[in-house]
N, C-alpha and C. Protein backbone atom coordinates (compact mmCIF):
# COMPACT_ATOMS: atom_id res chain seq x y z
N MET A 1 153.54 115.80 143.17
CA MET A 1 153.57 114.86 142.06
C MET A 1 155.02 114.41 141.84
N THR A 2 155.21 113.12 141.73
CA THR A 2 156.54 112.57 141.50
C THR A 2 156.94 112.74 140.04
N ARG A 3 158.25 112.63 139.78
CA ARG A 3 158.72 112.71 138.38
C ARG A 3 158.10 111.61 137.53
N ARG A 4 158.00 110.43 138.12
CA ARG A 4 157.42 109.30 137.37
C ARG A 4 155.97 109.59 137.02
N ALA A 5 155.22 110.13 137.94
CA ALA A 5 153.82 110.46 137.68
C ALA A 5 153.71 111.55 136.61
N ALA A 6 154.63 112.49 136.65
CA ALA A 6 154.61 113.57 135.66
C ALA A 6 154.91 113.05 134.26
N ARG A 7 155.71 111.98 134.18
CA ARG A 7 156.08 111.41 132.87
C ARG A 7 155.08 110.38 132.37
N ALA A 8 154.19 109.96 133.19
CA ALA A 8 153.22 108.93 132.79
C ALA A 8 152.44 109.39 131.57
N GLY A 9 152.37 108.54 130.58
CA GLY A 9 151.58 108.82 129.39
C GLY A 9 152.27 109.66 128.33
N VAL A 10 153.54 109.99 128.52
CA VAL A 10 154.25 110.82 127.53
C VAL A 10 154.26 110.12 126.17
N TYR A 11 154.65 108.86 126.15
CA TYR A 11 154.72 108.11 124.89
C TYR A 11 153.35 108.06 124.22
N GLU A 12 152.32 107.78 124.99
CA GLU A 12 150.97 107.68 124.43
C GLU A 12 150.53 109.02 123.84
N ARG A 13 150.83 110.12 124.53
CA ARG A 13 150.45 111.44 124.00
C ARG A 13 151.21 111.75 122.71
N LEU A 14 152.48 111.37 122.67
CA LEU A 14 153.26 111.61 121.46
C LEU A 14 152.73 110.78 120.29
N MET A 15 152.28 109.57 120.58
CA MET A 15 151.74 108.72 119.51
C MET A 15 150.41 109.26 118.98
N LEU A 16 149.70 110.00 119.79
CA LEU A 16 148.43 110.60 119.35
C LEU A 16 148.64 111.90 118.59
N ALA A 17 149.83 112.45 118.67
CA ALA A 17 150.14 113.71 117.99
C ALA A 17 150.02 113.52 116.49
N SER A 18 149.80 114.63 115.82
CA SER A 18 149.75 114.55 114.37
C SER A 18 151.07 114.01 113.85
N SER A 19 151.11 113.70 112.61
CA SER A 19 152.27 113.00 112.05
C SER A 19 153.56 113.80 112.22
N SER A 20 154.63 113.06 112.19
CA SER A 20 155.97 113.65 112.26
C SER A 20 156.45 113.88 110.84
N GLU A 21 157.16 114.95 110.64
CA GLU A 21 157.71 115.21 109.30
C GLU A 21 158.82 114.24 108.95
N LYS A 22 159.25 113.43 109.90
CA LYS A 22 160.33 112.47 109.68
C LYS A 22 159.81 111.07 109.33
N GLU A 23 158.51 110.88 109.25
CA GLU A 23 157.95 109.54 109.06
C GLU A 23 158.48 108.83 107.83
N LEU A 24 158.54 109.50 106.71
CA LEU A 24 159.02 108.87 105.47
C LEU A 24 160.48 108.44 105.63
N GLU A 25 161.27 109.28 106.26
CA GLU A 25 162.67 108.97 106.50
C GLU A 25 162.80 107.75 107.43
N ILE A 26 161.95 107.68 108.43
CA ILE A 26 161.97 106.56 109.37
C ILE A 26 161.61 105.27 108.64
N VAL A 27 160.55 105.29 107.85
CA VAL A 27 160.11 104.10 107.11
C VAL A 27 161.21 103.63 106.17
N ARG A 28 161.86 104.55 105.51
CA ARG A 28 162.92 104.21 104.57
C ARG A 28 164.08 103.50 105.26
N ASP A 29 164.35 103.86 106.51
CA ASP A 29 165.50 103.30 107.23
C ASP A 29 165.19 102.02 108.00
N LEU A 30 163.94 101.66 108.16
CA LEU A 30 163.60 100.51 109.00
C LEU A 30 164.28 99.22 108.55
N SER A 31 164.29 98.97 107.25
CA SER A 31 164.87 97.70 106.77
C SER A 31 166.39 97.68 106.92
N ARG A 32 167.01 98.85 107.10
CA ARG A 32 168.46 98.92 107.26
C ARG A 32 168.89 98.85 108.73
N THR A 33 167.92 98.84 109.61
CA THR A 33 168.22 98.79 111.04
C THR A 33 168.20 97.35 111.50
N TYR A 34 169.28 96.89 112.04
CA TYR A 34 169.41 95.50 112.48
C TYR A 34 168.97 94.51 111.39
N PRO A 35 169.53 94.59 110.18
CA PRO A 35 169.07 93.74 109.08
C PRO A 35 169.25 92.25 109.32
N SER A 36 170.17 91.87 110.18
CA SER A 36 170.38 90.43 110.42
C SER A 36 169.64 89.92 111.66
N HIS A 37 168.93 90.81 112.34
CA HIS A 37 168.18 90.40 113.52
C HIS A 37 166.79 89.96 113.09
N VAL A 38 166.41 88.75 113.44
CA VAL A 38 165.15 88.16 112.97
C VAL A 38 163.93 89.00 113.37
N TYR A 39 163.97 89.66 114.51
CA TYR A 39 162.82 90.45 114.97
C TYR A 39 162.51 91.61 114.04
N TYR A 40 163.53 92.14 113.36
CA TYR A 40 163.33 93.31 112.51
C TYR A 40 163.31 92.99 111.02
N GLN A 41 163.42 91.73 110.64
CA GLN A 41 163.53 91.37 109.23
C GLN A 41 162.21 91.43 108.47
N GLN A 42 161.12 91.09 109.11
CA GLN A 42 159.83 91.05 108.42
C GLN A 42 159.33 92.46 108.13
N ARG A 43 159.13 92.74 106.84
CA ARG A 43 158.65 94.06 106.43
C ARG A 43 157.29 94.32 107.06
N GLN A 44 157.19 95.43 107.77
CA GLN A 44 155.99 95.83 108.50
C GLN A 44 155.57 94.80 109.55
N GLY A 45 156.54 93.99 109.99
CA GLY A 45 156.28 93.03 111.04
C GLY A 45 156.29 93.72 112.40
N PRO A 46 156.12 92.96 113.46
CA PRO A 46 156.03 93.56 114.79
C PRO A 46 157.30 94.32 115.20
N GLY A 47 158.46 93.83 114.82
CA GLY A 47 159.70 94.52 115.17
C GLY A 47 159.80 95.87 114.48
N GLN A 48 159.55 95.89 113.18
CA GLN A 48 159.62 97.15 112.43
C GLN A 48 158.54 98.12 112.87
N ARG A 49 157.34 97.62 113.18
CA ARG A 49 156.27 98.50 113.65
C ARG A 49 156.61 99.11 115.01
N SER A 50 157.17 98.29 115.90
CA SER A 50 157.54 98.79 117.23
C SER A 50 158.64 99.84 117.12
N LEU A 51 159.65 99.56 116.31
CA LEU A 51 160.74 100.50 116.13
C LEU A 51 160.24 101.79 115.49
N PHE A 52 159.37 101.68 114.50
CA PHE A 52 158.79 102.86 113.86
C PHE A 52 158.06 103.71 114.90
N ASN A 53 157.26 103.07 115.74
CA ASN A 53 156.48 103.82 116.73
C ASN A 53 157.38 104.59 117.70
N VAL A 54 158.44 103.95 118.18
CA VAL A 54 159.34 104.62 119.12
C VAL A 54 160.07 105.77 118.42
N LEU A 55 160.57 105.53 117.21
CA LEU A 55 161.29 106.59 116.49
C LEU A 55 160.36 107.73 116.11
N ARG A 56 159.13 107.41 115.74
CA ARG A 56 158.16 108.45 115.40
C ARG A 56 157.84 109.28 116.62
N ALA A 57 157.60 108.63 117.76
CA ALA A 57 157.31 109.37 118.99
C ALA A 57 158.48 110.27 119.35
N TYR A 58 159.69 109.76 119.22
CA TYR A 58 160.86 110.58 119.55
C TYR A 58 161.00 111.75 118.59
N SER A 59 160.68 111.53 117.31
CA SER A 59 160.81 112.63 116.35
C SER A 59 159.75 113.70 116.58
N VAL A 60 158.63 113.34 117.19
CA VAL A 60 157.63 114.34 117.59
C VAL A 60 158.13 115.09 118.82
N TYR A 61 158.73 114.35 119.76
CA TYR A 61 159.24 114.94 120.99
C TYR A 61 160.40 115.89 120.73
N ASP A 62 161.34 115.45 119.89
CA ASP A 62 162.53 116.24 119.58
C ASP A 62 162.53 116.53 118.08
N ARG A 63 161.90 117.60 117.69
CA ARG A 63 161.72 117.92 116.27
C ARG A 63 163.04 118.24 115.57
N GLN A 64 164.10 118.47 116.31
CA GLN A 64 165.38 118.78 115.70
C GLN A 64 166.24 117.55 115.46
N VAL A 65 165.73 116.37 115.85
CA VAL A 65 166.52 115.16 115.68
C VAL A 65 166.78 114.92 114.20
N ARG A 66 167.98 114.48 113.89
CA ARG A 66 168.34 114.14 112.51
C ARG A 66 168.48 112.64 112.43
N LEU A 67 167.72 112.04 111.55
CA LEU A 67 167.78 110.60 111.35
C LEU A 67 168.55 110.35 110.06
N LEU A 68 169.68 109.69 110.19
CA LEU A 68 170.50 109.37 109.03
C LEU A 68 170.45 107.88 108.81
N GLY A 69 170.62 107.41 107.61
CA GLY A 69 170.52 106.01 107.26
C GLY A 69 170.92 105.04 108.35
N ALA A 70 170.01 104.18 108.72
CA ALA A 70 170.23 103.14 109.74
C ALA A 70 170.70 103.71 111.06
N SER A 71 170.24 104.90 111.39
CA SER A 71 170.67 105.55 112.63
C SER A 71 169.78 105.22 113.81
N SER A 72 168.79 104.39 113.63
CA SER A 72 167.86 104.10 114.71
C SER A 72 168.55 103.68 116.00
N PRO A 73 169.55 102.78 115.95
CA PRO A 73 170.21 102.42 117.21
C PRO A 73 170.86 103.62 117.89
N LEU A 74 171.39 104.54 117.10
CA LEU A 74 172.03 105.73 117.68
C LEU A 74 170.99 106.63 118.32
N VAL A 75 169.86 106.79 117.67
CA VAL A 75 168.79 107.62 118.23
C VAL A 75 168.29 107.00 119.52
N LEU A 76 168.08 105.69 119.51
CA LEU A 76 167.58 105.03 120.71
C LEU A 76 168.59 105.09 121.84
N ALA A 77 169.86 104.95 121.52
CA ALA A 77 170.89 104.99 122.56
C ALA A 77 170.99 106.37 123.20
N GLY A 78 170.76 107.40 122.42
CA GLY A 78 170.86 108.75 122.94
C GLY A 78 169.51 109.38 123.24
N CYS A 79 168.50 108.58 123.28
CA CYS A 79 167.13 109.06 123.47
C CYS A 79 167.00 109.81 124.80
N ARG A 80 166.52 111.01 124.71
CA ARG A 80 166.34 111.84 125.91
C ARG A 80 164.87 111.96 126.28
N MET A 81 164.01 111.16 125.67
CA MET A 81 162.59 111.26 125.96
C MET A 81 162.32 110.69 127.35
N PRO A 82 161.55 111.38 128.14
CA PRO A 82 161.30 110.94 129.52
C PRO A 82 160.30 109.81 129.60
N PHE A 83 160.71 108.60 129.24
CA PHE A 83 159.82 107.45 129.34
C PHE A 83 159.53 107.17 130.80
N ALA A 84 158.34 106.70 131.06
CA ALA A 84 157.96 106.37 132.44
C ALA A 84 158.64 105.09 132.87
């Protein structure tokens, strides 16, 4: 089995996991992440939903991650989740 095959479906499995204890913190920070970027401006729009999903999946994968105000870009930049 290749590494890529082993990683297939990781994101989907994480999204099916029970809730992350960081969800409220993630929701609170969404509007502060890229506030001037049109894709993320609409409350609960596609940009914020997509960002929430990735951050939530990562917080399930790495339960020790600390999310600090508007830290989403930092989390994404240092993301160690084995995406396919």
